[in-house]
Amino acid sequence: MKYRTLGRTGLNVSEVGFGGAGIGHVWGPTTDEECIRSVRLALDLGINFFDTSPMYGGGKSEENLGKGLAGRREQAIIATKVRLQAEEDRASGDSMAAAVRSSVEQSLTRLGTDYVDVLQVHHQVGARRGQYMAAVGPPPRYALLLDQQDCFSLGHAMKEMVKEGKVRFIGITAWDGDPDAVRAVLKSGVFDTAQVLYNLLNRTAVAAPPSGFDDMDQGRSLPVAREGDVGVIGIRSHAAGALVDQLDREAAPDTEVARDHRRARNLWPLLSGQYSTLSQAALRFCLDNPDIATVVPGFKNSVEMEEAAACSDLPSLPAEALAALDSLYRRHFEN
């Protein structure tokens, strides 16, 4: 396993990290026993960065991660998140601070630790306040859309946890928000890390979208993060499970996952000579970006985790494959 520095935090993180949604039973069927086994095996293979959230399985992800890390906490760098649950949580600085404190203390209990290394804002950041669909459901679940000032206020409340030693660094989820608002937050210097979407189907974190693009515009956030030495955590490397040989769960034809999986079929002929699976090629593409410190695929079992861990030692995508992929991306994945 290779390691990189997570921006100005100075943390030395495995370039392949461990995304915690799967061990919260978010990405399809699994068992708690398999989730815990996957965490322990990840440590054995050199993975030291674990990203989770209270929202993954209603705390189940944090619980399973804590059990997997039991007795080996010093080997792990833990990143979790905080999400305001009601409009009242942002009514004042005191109410926001109380919400953050309650969230952190519950996370620490589930994780079985007295501190986390990174605490991240688990909200989209918009040009104005509102709400957005946080999970399709059923039933669909909604979360508060924060504006820039909300984000800064939340960051201030999170820094109180830093002063108390319960958190080391703070970050944002710079995903699917308003591009201008996200860039302003990244430039502010308030946050040490950022989660950024980047994959074979969506490169808008580094360049303007091609004509006909119909996915989330990430607003060229990677160069902004690099300029501010904000540590980047790469997310959605597999487009919510679409960049794989076979979908591991049912997806209606009109869903984004099904759409992206159809597009992925055009990618594989350009990559099949280099890698065993499309999943490996998708992760290797993200690892080849030096502005991303760690990529966190969402694992739900040890097989998925071992396949991803091996990507650290695989060769980079060759220039001719990258050129062909770039051409296909600009043509919006048309044959």
C-alpha atoms as a PDB file:
ATOM      1  CA  MET A   1       0.000   0.000   0.000  1.00  0.00           C
ATOM      2  CA  LYS A   2       1.225   3.468  -0.894  1.00  0.00           C
ATOM      3  CA  TYR A   3       0.606   6.541   1.238  1.00  0.00           C
ATOM      4  CA  ARG A   4       0.079  10.255   0.607  1.00  0.00           C
ATOM      5  CA  THR A   5      -0.165  13.383   2.717  1.00  0.00           C
ATOM      6  CA  LEU A   6      -3.694  14.669   3.358  1.00  0.00           C
ATOM      7  CA  GLY A   7      -3.055  18.320   2.595  1.00  0.00           C
ATOM      8  CA  ARG A   8      -2.149  20.631   5.446  1.00  0.00           C
ATOM      9  CA  THR A   9      -3.294  18.108   8.060  1.00  0.00           C
ATOM     10  CA  GLY A  10       0.021  16.320   7.571  1.00  0.00           C
ATOM     11  CA  LEU A  11      -1.755  12.988   8.070  1.00  0.00           C
ATOM     12  CA  ASN A  12      -0.105  10.122   6.170  1.00  0.00           C
ATOM     13  CA  VAL A  13      -3.054   8.273   4.645  1.00  0.00           C
ATOM     14  CA  SER A  14      -3.315   5.145   2.530  1.00  0.00           C
ATOM     15  CA  GLU A  15      -4.078   6.106  -1.053  1.00  0.00           C
ATOM     16  CA  VAL A  16      -6.824   3.476  -1.016  1.00  0.00           C
ATOM     17  CA  GLY A  17      -9.100   4.320   1.872  1.00  0.00           C
ATOM     18  CA  PHE A  18     -12.133   2.563   3.285  1.00  0.00           C
ATOM     19  CA  GLY A  19     -15.537   4.104   2.552  1.00  0.00           C
ATOM     20  CA  GLY A  20     -17.925   3.278   5.366  1.00  0.00           C
ATOM     21  CA  ALA A  21     -21.352   3.364   3.702  1.00  0.00           C
ATOM     22  CA  GLY A  22     -21.154  -0.324   2.778  1.00  0.00           C
ATOM     23  CA  ILE A  23     -20.529  -1.472   6.341  1.00  0.00           C
ATOM     24  CA  GLY A  24     -23.631   0.494   7.268  1.00  0.00           C
ATOM     25  CA  HIS A  25     -25.570  -1.839   4.921  1.00  0.00           C
ATOM     26  CA  VAL A  26     -26.147   1.030   2.454  1.00  0.00           C
ATOM     27  CA  TRP A  27     -24.734  -0.579  -0.711  1.00  0.00           C
ATOM     28  CA  GLY A  28     -26.537  -3.915  -0.682  1.00  0.00           C
ATOM     29  CA  PRO A  29     -26.810  -7.081   1.430  1.00  0.00           C
ATOM     30  CA  THR A  30     -24.069  -7.927   3.909  1.00  0.00           C
ATOM     31  CA  THR A  31     -23.713  -8.969   7.546  1.00  0.00           C
ATOM     32  CA  ASP A  32     -22.217  -7.193  10.521  1.00  0.00           C
ATOM     33  CA  GLU A  33     -19.734 -10.048  10.899  1.00  0.00           C
ATOM     34  CA  GLU A  34     -18.518  -9.615   7.318  1.00  0.00           C
ATOM     35  CA  CYS A  35     -18.272  -5.848   7.761  1.00  0.00           C
ATOM     36  CA  ILE A  36     -16.146  -6.197  10.886  1.00  0.00           C
ATOM     37  CA  ARG A  37     -13.942  -8.808   9.196  1.00  0.00           C
ATOM     38  CA  SER A  38     -13.428  -6.429   6.252  1.00  0.00           C
ATOM     39  CA  VAL A  39     -12.242  -3.635   8.544  1.00  0.00           C
ATOM     40  CA  ARG A  40      -9.713  -5.889  10.247  1.00  0.00           C
ATOM     41  CA  LEU A  41      -8.419  -7.243   6.955  1.00  0.00           C
ATOM     42  CA  ALA A  42      -8.101  -3.696   5.618  1.00  0.00           C
ATOM     43  CA  LEU A  43      -5.731  -2.873   8.463  1.00  0.00           C
ATOM     44  CA  ASP A  44      -3.714  -6.003   7.689  1.00  0.00           C
ATOM     45  CA  LEU A  45      -3.388  -4.857   4.059  1.00  0.00           C
ATOM     46  CA  GLY A  46      -2.152  -1.385   5.002  1.00  0.00           C
ATOM     47  CA  ILE A  47      -5.365   0.618   4.673  1.00  0.00           C
ATOM     48  CA  ASN A  48      -5.365   3.191   7.468  1.00  0.00           C
ATOM     49  CA  PHE A  49      -7.963   5.791   6.390  1.00  0.00           C
ATOM     50  CA  PHE A  50     -11.581   5.025   7.263  1.00  0.00           C
ATOM     51  CA  ASP A  51     -14.438   7.342   6.325  1.00  0.00           C
ATOM     52  CA  THR A  52     -17.837   6.928   7.939  1.00  0.00           C
ATOM     53  CA  SER A  53     -20.900   8.894   9.055  1.00  0.00           C
ATOM     54  CA  PRO A  54     -23.707   8.672  11.602  1.00  0.00           C
ATOM     55  CA  MET A  55     -26.058   8.712   8.609  1.00  0.00           C
ATOM     56  CA  TYR A  56     -24.769   5.434   7.172  1.00  0.00           C
ATOM     57  CA  GLY A  57     -27.275   2.888   8.394  1.00  0.00           C
ATOM     58  CA  GLY A  58     -28.408   5.043  11.300  1.00  0.00           C
ATOM     59  CA  GLY A  59     -25.081   4.636  13.092  1.00  0.00           C
ATOM     60  CA  LYS A  60     -24.513   1.021  12.019  1.00  0.00           C
ATOM     61  CA  SER A  61     -21.412   1.941   9.982  1.00  0.00           C
ATOM     62  CA  GLU A  62     -19.759   3.636  12.954  1.00  0.00           C
ATOM     63  CA  GLU A  63     -20.635   0.696  15.202  1.00  0.00           C
ATOM     64  CA  ASN A  64     -19.143  -1.861  12.819  1.00  0.00           C
ATOM     65  CA  LEU A  65     -16.068   0.267  12.235  1.00  0.00           C
ATOM     66  CA  GLY A  66     -15.545   0.626  15.976  1.00  0.00           C
ATOM     67  CA  LYS A  67     -15.779  -3.122  16.479  1.00  0.00           C
ATOM     68  CA  GLY A  68     -13.386  -3.768  13.604  1.00  0.00           C
ATOM     69  CA  LEU A  69     -10.837  -1.324  15.006  1.00  0.00           C
ATOM     70  CA  ALA A  70     -11.107  -2.571  18.591  1.00  0.00           C
ATOM     71  CA  GLY A  71      -7.629  -2.956  20.039  1.00  0.00           C
ATOM     72  CA  ARG A  72      -6.051  -1.381  16.928  1.00  0.00           C
ATOM     73  CA  ARG A  73      -7.245   2.238  17.135  1.00  0.00           C
ATOM     74  CA  GLU A  74      -3.678   3.563  16.866  1.00  0.00           C
ATOM     75  CA  GLN A  75      -3.370   2.048  13.366  1.00  0.00           C
ATOM     76  CA  ALA A  76      -6.340   3.972  12.003  1.00  0.00           C
ATOM     77  CA  ILE A  77      -7.186   7.486  10.860  1.00  0.00           C
ATOM     78  CA  ILE A  78     -10.921   7.920  11.361  1.00  0.00           C
ATOM     79  CA  ALA A  79     -13.021  10.477   9.522  1.00  0.00           C
ATOM     80  CA  THR A  80     -16.698  10.849  10.373  1.00  0.00           C
ATOM     81  CA  LYS A  81     -19.322  13.522   9.783  1.00  0.00           C
ATOM     82  CA  VAL A  82     -21.955  15.733  11.354  1.00  0.00           C
ATOM     83  CA  ARG A  83     -25.373  16.586   9.914  1.00  0.00           C
ATOM     84  CA  LEU A  84     -27.806  19.064  11.431  1.00  0.00           C
ATOM     85  CA  GLN A  85     -31.120  17.276  11.872  1.00  0.00           C
ATOM     86  CA  ALA A  86     -33.593  20.177  12.072  1.00  0.00           C
ATOM     87  CA  GLU A  87     -33.947  23.832  11.174  1.00  0.00           C
ATOM     88  CA  GLU A  88     -33.714  24.639  14.884  1.00  0.00           C
ATOM     89  CA  ASP A  89     -30.129  23.335  14.916  1.00  0.00           C
ATOM     90  CA  ARG A  90     -28.946  26.366  12.962  1.00  0.00           C
ATOM     91  CA  ALA A  91     -31.148  28.926  14.707  1.00  0.00           C
ATOM     92  CA  SER A  92     -28.196  30.264  16.715  1.00  0.00           C
ATOM     93  CA  GLY A  93     -24.559  29.621  17.431  1.00  0.00           C
ATOM     94  CA  ASP A  94     -25.480  27.926  20.710  1.00  0.00           C
ATOM     95  CA  SER A  95     -27.986  25.558  19.109  1.00  0.00           C
ATOM     96  CA  MET A  96     -25.534  24.657  16.343  1.00  0.00           C
ATOM     97  CA  ALA A  97     -22.761  24.022  18.886  1.00  0.00           C
ATOM     98  CA  ALA A  98     -25.100  21.806  20.914  1.00  0.00           C
ATOM     99  CA  ALA A  99     -26.052  19.814  17.809  1.00  0.00           C
ATOM    100  CA  VAL A 100     -22.411  19.294  16.871  1.00  0.00           C
ATOM    101  CA  ARG A 101     -21.463  18.256  20.406  1.00  0.00           C
ATOM    102  CA  SER A 102     -24.314  15.748  20.593  1.00  0.00           C
ATOM    103  CA  SER A 103     -23.423  14.262  17.204  1.00  0.00           C
ATOM    104  CA  VAL A 104     -19.730  13.951  18.005  1.00  0.00           C
ATOM    105  CA  GLU A 105     -20.280  12.383  21.410  1.00  0.00           C
ATOM    106  CA  GLN A 106     -22.652   9.785  19.953  1.00  0.00           C
ATOM    107  CA  SER A 107     -20.163   9.034  17.178  1.00  0.00           C
ATOM    108  CA  LEU A 108     -17.344   8.561  19.675  1.00  0.00           C
ATOM    109  CA  THR A 109     -19.466   6.105  21.652  1.00  0.00           C
ATOM    110  CA  ARG A 110     -20.333   4.060  18.572  1.00  0.00           C
ATOM    111  CA  LEU A 111     -16.729   4.122  17.352  1.00  0.00           C
ATOM    112  CA  GLY A 112     -15.334   3.167  20.757  1.00  0.00           C
ATOM    113  CA  THR A 113     -12.771   5.965  20.771  1.00  0.00           C
ATOM    114  CA  ASP A 114     -12.231   9.290  22.529  1.00  0.00           C
ATOM    115  CA  TYR A 115     -11.363  11.281  19.392  1.00  0.00           C
ATOM    116  CA  VAL A 116     -11.733  11.277  15.613  1.00  0.00           C
ATOM    117  CA  ASP A 117      -9.068  12.530  13.256  1.00  0.00           C
ATOM    118  CA  VAL A 118     -11.370  14.370  10.832  1.00  0.00           C
ATOM    119  CA  LEU A 119     -14.910  15.682  11.366  1.00  0.00           C
ATOM    120  CA  GLN A 120     -16.703  16.672   8.161  1.00  0.00           C
ATOM    121  CA  VAL A 121     -19.800  18.677   7.264  1.00  0.00           C
ATOM    122  CA  HIS A 122     -22.332  16.182   5.857  1.00  0.00           C
ATOM    123  CA  HIS A 123     -24.447  18.672   3.898  1.00  0.00           C
ATOM    124  CA  GLN A 124     -24.541  20.126   0.435  1.00  0.00           C
ATOM    125  CA  VAL A 125     -23.476  23.774   0.256  1.00  0.00           C
ATOM    126  CA  GLY A 126     -25.687  26.019  -1.865  1.00  0.00           C
ATOM    127  CA  ALA A 127     -26.061  29.625  -2.910  1.00  0.00           C
ATOM    128  CA  ARG A 128     -28.963  29.923  -0.453  1.00  0.00           C
ATOM    129  CA  ARG A 129     -30.660  27.892   2.251  1.00  0.00           C
ATOM    130  CA  GLY A 130     -33.097  25.148   1.399  1.00  0.00           C
ATOM    131  CA  GLN A 131     -33.247  21.374   1.410  1.00  0.00           C
ATOM    132  CA  TYR A 132     -32.257  18.521  -0.895  1.00  0.00           C
ATOM    133  CA  MET A 133     -32.959  14.821  -1.223  1.00  0.00           C
ATOM    134  CA  ALA A 134     -30.275  13.074   0.815  1.00  0.00           C
ATOM    135  CA  ALA A 135     -31.497   9.536   0.124  1.00  0.00           C
ATOM    136  CA  VAL A 136     -33.916   8.220  -2.463  1.00  0.00           C
ATOM    137  CA  GLY A 137     -35.653   5.892  -0.051  1.00  0.00           C
ATOM    138  CA  PRO A 138     -38.369   4.708   0.126  1.00  0.00           C
ATOM    139  CA  PRO A 139     -39.347   6.902   1.747  1.00  0.00           C
ATOM    140  CA  PRO A 140     -37.139   9.704   0.392  1.00  0.00           C
ATOM    141  CA  ARG A 141     -35.142  11.526   3.058  1.00  0.00           C
ATOM    142  CA  TYR A 142     -34.193  15.182   2.958  1.00  0.00           C
ATOM    143  CA  ALA A 143     -31.397  17.226   4.528  1.00  0.00           C
ATOM    144  CA  LEU A 144     -30.761  20.920   5.089  1.00  0.00           C
ATOM    145  CA  LEU A 145     -29.022  22.780   2.280  1.00  0.00           C
ATOM    146  CA  LEU A 146     -26.480  25.102   3.885  1.00  0.00           C
ATOM    147  CA  ASP A 147     -25.420  28.472   2.517  1.00  0.00           C
ATOM    148  CA  GLN A 148     -21.855  29.707   2.908  1.00  0.00           C
ATOM    149  CA  GLN A 149     -22.474  31.424   6.229  1.00  0.00           C
ATOM    150  CA  ASP A 150     -24.148  28.309   7.643  1.00  0.00           C
ATOM    151  CA  CYS A 151     -21.096  26.331   6.582  1.00  0.00           C
ATOM    152  CA  PHE A 152     -18.720  28.761   8.278  1.00  0.00           C
ATOM    153  CA  SER A 153     -20.831  28.796  11.446  1.00  0.00           C
ATOM    154  CA  LEU A 154     -20.866  25.017  11.492  1.00  0.00           C
ATOM    155  CA  GLY A 155     -17.099  25.004  11.010  1.00  0.00           C
ATOM    156  CA  HIS A 156     -16.720  27.311  14.032  1.00  0.00           C
ATOM    157  CA  ALA A 157     -18.827  24.928  16.140  1.00  0.00           C
ATOM    158  CA  MET A 158     -16.763  21.986  14.943  1.00  0.00           C
ATOM    159  CA  LYS A 159     -13.557  23.774  15.929  1.00  0.00           C
ATOM    160  CA  GLU A 160     -14.780  23.839  19.511  1.00  0.00           C
ATOM    161  CA  MET A 161     -14.489  20.058  19.381  1.00  0.00           C
ATOM    162  CA  VAL A 162     -10.928  20.483  18.127  1.00  0.00           C
ATOM    163  CA  LYS A 163     -10.100  22.672  21.130  1.00  0.00           C
ATOM    164  CA  GLU A 164     -11.441  19.957  23.422  1.00  0.00           C
ATOM    165  CA  GLY A 165      -9.313  17.261  21.780  1.00  0.00           C
ATOM    166  CA  LYS A 166     -12.278  15.254  20.501  1.00  0.00           C
ATOM    167  CA  VAL A 167     -11.496  16.151  16.874  1.00  0.00           C
ATOM    168  CA  ARG A 168      -8.153  16.850  15.191  1.00  0.00           C
ATOM    169  CA  PHE A 169      -9.163  18.432  11.863  1.00  0.00           C
ATOM    170  CA  ILE A 170     -12.352  19.530  10.125  1.00  0.00           C
ATOM    171  CA  GLY A 171     -13.565  19.202   6.547  1.00  0.00           C
ATOM    172  CA  ILE A 172     -16.483  19.563   4.152  1.00  0.00           C
ATOM    173  CA  THR A 173     -18.265  17.329   1.691  1.00  0.00           C
ATOM    174  CA  ALA A 174     -17.667  19.354  -1.483  1.00  0.00           C
ATOM    175  CA  TRP A 175     -20.120  17.276  -3.494  1.00  0.00           C
ATOM    176  CA  ASP A 176     -23.211  18.191  -5.497  1.00  0.00           C
ATOM    177  CA  GLY A 177     -23.391  21.744  -4.168  1.00  0.00           C
ATOM    178  CA  ASP A 178     -23.372  25.127  -5.847  1.00  0.00           C
ATOM    179  CA  PRO A 179     -19.947  25.340  -7.549  1.00  0.00           C
ATOM    180  CA  ASP A 180     -19.366  29.007  -6.645  1.00  0.00           C
ATOM    181  CA  ALA A 181     -20.364  28.452  -3.015  1.00  0.00           C
ATOM    182  CA  VAL A 182     -18.153  25.360  -2.709  1.00  0.00           C
ATOM    183  CA  ARG A 183     -15.151  27.167  -4.172  1.00  0.00           C
ATOM    184  CA  ALA A 184     -15.665  30.072  -1.748  1.00  0.00           C
ATOM    185  CA  VAL A 185     -15.752  27.680   1.211  1.00  0.00           C
ATOM    186  CA  LEU A 186     -12.605  25.904  -0.006  1.00  0.00           C
ATOM    187  CA  LYS A 187     -10.804  29.233  -0.397  1.00  0.00           C
ATOM    188  CA  SER A 188     -11.818  30.429   3.066  1.00  0.00           C
ATOM    189  CA  GLY A 189      -9.168  28.454   4.917  1.00  0.00           C
ATOM    190  CA  VAL A 190     -11.734  27.312   7.496  1.00  0.00           C
ATOM    191  CA  PHE A 191     -11.670  23.640   6.487  1.00  0.00           C
ATOM    192  CA  ASP A 192      -8.681  21.306   6.286  1.00  0.00           C
ATOM    193  CA  THR A 193     -10.126  18.619   4.018  1.00  0.00           C
ATOM    194  CA  ALA A 194     -12.750  18.185   1.315  1.00  0.00           C
ATOM    195  CA  GLN A 195     -14.540  15.200  -0.168  1.00  0.00           C
ATOM    196  CA  VAL A 196     -14.632  15.593  -3.950  1.00  0.00           C
ATOM    197  CA  LEU A 197     -16.443  13.469  -6.540  1.00  0.00           C
ATOM    198  CA  TYR A 198     -14.170  12.343  -9.382  1.00  0.00           C
ATOM    199  CA  ASN A 199     -14.459   9.296 -11.623  1.00  0.00           C
ATOM    200  CA  LEU A 200     -14.331   8.023 -15.206  1.00  0.00           C
ATOM    201  CA  LEU A 201     -17.825   9.378 -15.896  1.00  0.00           C
ATOM    202  CA  ASN A 202     -17.447  12.757 -14.184  1.00  0.00           C
ATOM    203  CA  ARG A 203     -14.261  14.833 -14.356  1.00  0.00           C
ATOM    204  CA  THR A 204     -15.823  18.212 -13.626  1.00  0.00           C
ATOM    205  CA  ALA A 205     -13.725  18.529 -10.469  1.00  0.00           C
ATOM    206  CA  VAL A 206     -10.785  19.274 -12.777  1.00  0.00           C
ATOM    207  CA  ALA A 207     -12.271  20.660 -16.011  1.00  0.00           C
ATOM    208  CA  ALA A 208     -15.426  22.166 -17.475  1.00  0.00           C
ATOM    209  CA  PRO A 209     -18.073  19.585 -18.448  1.00  0.00           C
ATOM    210  CA  PRO A 210     -18.322  18.447 -22.072  1.00  0.00           C
ATOM    211  CA  SER A 211     -21.274  19.346 -24.271  1.00  0.00           C
ATOM    212  CA  GLY A 212     -24.411  17.447 -23.288  1.00  0.00           C
ATOM    213  CA  PHE A 213     -23.158  16.642 -19.793  1.00  0.00           C
ATOM    214  CA  ASP A 214     -26.077  15.622 -17.560  1.00  0.00           C
ATOM    215  CA  ASP A 215     -24.424  14.760 -14.242  1.00  0.00           C
ATOM    216  CA  MET A 216     -23.410  16.878 -11.217  1.00  0.00           C
ATOM    217  CA  ASP A 217     -20.962  19.672 -12.025  1.00  0.00           C
ATOM    218  CA  GLN A 218     -18.235  19.633  -9.380  1.00  0.00           C
ATOM    219  CA  GLY A 219     -17.113  23.132 -10.335  1.00  0.00           C
ATOM    220  CA  ARG A 220     -13.383  22.565 -10.872  1.00  0.00           C
ATOM    221  CA  SER A 221     -12.923  22.200  -7.121  1.00  0.00           C
ATOM    222  CA  LEU A 222      -9.700  20.165  -7.224  1.00  0.00           C
ATOM    223  CA  PRO A 223      -7.438  23.026  -8.376  1.00  0.00           C
ATOM    224  CA  VAL A 224      -8.948  25.282  -5.704  1.00  0.00           C
ATOM    225  CA  ALA A 225      -8.272  22.678  -3.029  1.00  0.00           C
ATOM    226  CA  ARG A 226      -4.706  22.259  -4.259  1.00  0.00           C
ATOM    227  CA  GLU A 227      -4.053  26.009  -4.063  1.00  0.00           C
ATOM    228  CA  GLY A 228      -5.241  26.102  -0.449  1.00  0.00           C
ATOM    229  CA  ASP A 229      -3.476  22.861   0.542  1.00  0.00           C
ATOM    230  CA  VAL A 230      -6.850  21.357   1.407  1.00  0.00           C
ATOM    231  CA  GLY A 231      -6.529  17.582   1.702  1.00  0.00           C
ATOM    232  CA  VAL A 232      -8.750  15.865  -0.877  1.00  0.00           C
ATOM    233  CA  ILE A 233     -10.670  12.672  -0.196  1.00  0.00           C
ATOM    234  CA  GLY A 234     -11.893  11.188  -3.483  1.00  0.00           C
ATOM    235  CA  ILE A 235     -15.461   9.904  -3.384  1.00  0.00           C
ATOM    236  CA  ARG A 236     -17.804   8.120  -5.790  1.00  0.00           C
ATOM    237  CA  SER A 237     -14.875   6.496  -7.599  1.00  0.00           C
ATOM    238  CA  HIS A 238     -17.280   3.831  -8.833  1.00  0.00           C
ATOM    239  CA  ALA A 239     -20.271   6.137  -9.445  1.00  0.00           C
ATOM    240  CA  ALA A 240     -22.373   4.637  -6.651  1.00  0.00           C
ATOM    241  CA  GLY A 241     -21.585   1.113  -7.850  1.00  0.00           C
ATOM    242  CA  ALA A 242     -22.141   1.664 -11.586  1.00  0.00           C
ATOM    243  CA  LEU A 243     -18.500   1.299 -12.656  1.00  0.00           C
ATOM    244  CA  VAL A 244     -18.375  -2.456 -12.209  1.00  0.00           C
ATOM    245  CA  ASP A 245     -18.664  -5.483 -14.462  1.00  0.00           C
ATOM    246  CA  GLN A 246     -22.035  -6.475 -12.985  1.00  0.00           C
ATOM    247  CA  LEU A 247     -24.391  -4.468 -10.787  1.00  0.00           C
ATOM    248  CA  ASP A 248     -24.697  -6.078  -7.358  1.00  0.00           C
ATOM    249  CA  ARG A 249     -28.221  -4.758  -6.723  1.00  0.00           C
ATOM    250  CA  GLU A 250     -31.348  -4.090  -8.724  1.00  0.00           C
ATOM    251  CA  ALA A 251     -31.570  -0.684 -10.396  1.00  0.00           C
ATOM    252  CA  ALA A 252     -34.585   0.584 -12.317  1.00  0.00           C
ATOM    253  CA  PRO A 253     -33.735   1.513 -15.934  1.00  0.00           C
ATOM    254  CA  ASP A 254     -34.436   5.208 -15.346  1.00  0.00           C
ATOM    255  CA  THR A 255     -32.085   5.576 -12.350  1.00  0.00           C
ATOM    256  CA  GLU A 256     -28.684   7.263 -12.470  1.00  0.00           C
ATOM    257  CA  VAL A 257     -26.961   4.017 -11.497  1.00  0.00           C
ATOM    258  CA  ALA A 258     -28.525   2.131 -14.405  1.00  0.00           C
ATOM    259  CA  ARG A 259     -27.723   4.995 -16.803  1.00  0.00           C
ATOM    260  CA  ASP A 260     -24.104   5.121 -15.658  1.00  0.00           C
ATOM    261  CA  HIS A 261     -23.739   1.357 -15.861  1.00  0.00           C
ATOM    262  CA  ARG A 262     -24.898   1.466 -19.483  1.00  0.00           C
ATOM    263  CA  ARG A 263     -22.255   4.097 -20.208  1.00  0.00           C
ATOM    264  CA  ALA A 264     -19.634   2.028 -18.454  1.00  0.00           C
ATOM    265  CA  ARG A 265     -20.026  -0.681 -21.096  1.00  0.00           C
ATOM    266  CA  ASN A 266     -18.378   1.674 -23.563  1.00  0.00           C
ATOM    267  CA  LEU A 267     -15.404   2.147 -21.249  1.00  0.00           C
ATOM    268  CA  TRP A 268     -14.414  -1.460 -20.723  1.00  0.00           C
ATOM    269  CA  PRO A 269     -13.224  -2.239 -24.282  1.00  0.00           C
ATOM    270  CA  LEU A 270     -10.619   0.523 -23.802  1.00  0.00           C
ATOM    271  CA  LEU A 271      -9.351  -0.940 -20.528  1.00  0.00           C
ATOM    272  CA  SER A 272      -9.819  -4.700 -20.574  1.00  0.00           C
ATOM    273  CA  GLY A 273      -6.257  -5.401 -21.657  1.00  0.00           C
ATOM    274  CA  GLN A 274      -4.797  -3.695 -18.580  1.00  0.00           C
ATOM    275  CA  TYR A 275      -6.955  -4.728 -15.618  1.00  0.00           C
ATOM    276  CA  SER A 276      -8.934  -7.735 -14.440  1.00  0.00           C
ATOM    277  CA  THR A 277     -12.140  -5.804 -13.783  1.00  0.00           C
ATOM    278  CA  LEU A 278     -13.721  -2.481 -14.631  1.00  0.00           C
ATOM    279  CA  SER A 279     -13.847  -1.803 -10.898  1.00  0.00           C
ATOM    280  CA  GLN A 280     -10.055  -1.923 -10.703  1.00  0.00           C
ATOM    281  CA  ALA A 281      -9.646   0.326 -13.734  1.00  0.00           C
ATOM    282  CA  ALA A 282     -12.096   2.842 -12.270  1.00  0.00           C
ATOM    283  CA  LEU A 283     -10.182   3.046  -9.006  1.00  0.00           C
ATOM    284  CA  ARG A 284      -6.797   3.191 -10.712  1.00  0.00           C
ATOM    285  CA  PHE A 285      -8.037   6.166 -12.768  1.00  0.00           C
ATOM    286  CA  CYS A 286      -8.738   8.072  -9.554  1.00  0.00           C
ATOM    287  CA  LEU A 287      -5.450   7.055  -7.943  1.00  0.00           C
ATOM    288  CA  ASP A 288      -3.593   8.435 -10.956  1.00  0.00           C
ATOM    289  CA  ASN A 289      -4.692  11.964  -9.989  1.00  0.00           C
ATOM    290  CA  PRO A 290      -1.954  13.344  -7.687  1.00  0.00           C
ATOM    291  CA  ASP A 291      -4.294  15.988  -6.233  1.00  0.00           C
ATOM    292  CA  ILE A 292      -6.336  13.284  -4.496  1.00  0.00           C
ATOM    293  CA  ALA A 293      -4.737  12.046  -1.272  1.00  0.00           C
ATOM    294  CA  THR A 294      -6.990   9.056  -0.694  1.00  0.00           C
ATOM    295  CA  VAL A 295      -9.913   7.451  -2.519  1.00  0.00           C
ATOM    296  CA  VAL A 296     -12.643   5.827  -0.411  1.00  0.00           C
ATOM    297  CA  PRO A 297     -14.709   3.200  -2.257  1.00  0.00           C
ATOM    298  CA  GLY A 298     -17.639   1.899  -0.233  1.00  0.00           C
ATOM    299  CA  PHE A 299     -16.930  -1.699   0.787  1.00  0.00           C
ATOM    300  CA  LYS A 300     -19.482  -4.129   2.170  1.00  0.00           C
ATOM    301  CA  ASN A 301     -17.318  -7.251   2.188  1.00  0.00           C
ATOM    302  CA  SER A 302     -13.709  -8.400   2.213  1.00  0.00           C
ATOM    303  CA  VAL A 303     -13.703  -9.451  -1.464  1.00  0.00           C
ATOM    304  CA  GLU A 304     -14.475  -5.898  -2.614  1.00  0.00           C
ATOM    305  CA  MET A 305     -11.964  -4.479  -0.177  1.00  0.00           C
ATOM    306  CA  GLU A 306      -9.117  -6.804  -1.231  1.00  0.00           C
ATOM    307  CA  GLU A 307      -9.696  -6.062  -4.920  1.00  0.00           C
ATOM    308  CA  ALA A 308      -9.493  -2.327  -4.234  1.00  0.00           C
ATOM    309  CA  ALA A 309      -6.443  -2.566  -1.986  1.00  0.00           C
ATOM    310  CA  ALA A 310      -4.556  -4.338  -4.772  1.00  0.00           C
ATOM    311  CA  CYS A 311      -5.028  -1.295  -7.020  1.00  0.00           C
ATOM    312  CA  SER A 312      -2.300   0.557  -5.125  1.00  0.00           C
ATOM    313  CA  ASP A 313       0.248  -1.745  -6.777  1.00  0.00           C
ATOM    314  CA  LEU A 314      -1.310  -1.803 -10.252  1.00  0.00           C
ATOM    315  CA  PRO A 315       0.220   0.234 -13.097  1.00  0.00           C
ATOM    316  CA  SER A 316      -1.211   3.598 -14.066  1.00  0.00           C
ATOM    317  CA  LEU A 317      -3.546   3.794 -17.037  1.00  0.00           C
ATOM    318  CA  PRO A 318      -1.424   3.946 -20.207  1.00  0.00           C
ATOM    319  CA  ALA A 319      -1.379   7.116 -22.284  1.00  0.00           C
ATOM    320  CA  GLU A 320      -3.192   5.540 -25.237  1.00  0.00           C
ATOM    321  CA  ALA A 321      -6.035   4.333 -22.999  1.00  0.00           C
ATOM    322  CA  LEU A 322      -6.311   7.760 -21.377  1.00  0.00           C
ATOM    323  CA  ALA A 323      -6.518   9.412 -24.793  1.00  0.00           C
ATOM    324  CA  ALA A 324      -9.274   7.048 -25.890  1.00  0.00           C
ATOM    325  CA  LEU A 325     -11.158   7.560 -22.626  1.00  0.00           C
ATOM    326  CA  ASP A 326     -10.859  11.318 -22.964  1.00  0.00           C
ATOM    327  CA  SER A 327     -12.287  11.181 -26.484  1.00  0.00           C
ATOM    328  CA  LEU A 328     -15.187   9.024 -25.317  1.00  0.00           C
ATOM    329  CA  TYR A 329     -15.848  11.391 -22.391  1.00  0.00           C
ATOM    330  CA  ARG A 330     -15.972  14.408 -24.712  1.00  0.00           C
ATOM    331  CA  ARG A 331     -18.425  12.513 -26.951  1.00  0.00           C
ATOM    332  CA  HIS A 332     -20.583  11.875 -23.900  1.00  0.00           C
ATOM    333  CA  PHE A 333     -19.938   8.113 -24.007  1.00  0.00           C
ATOM    334  CA  GLU A 334     -21.417   7.597 -27.429  1.00  0.00           C
ATOM    335  CA  ASN A 335     -19.947   4.806 -29.558  1.00  0.00           C
END
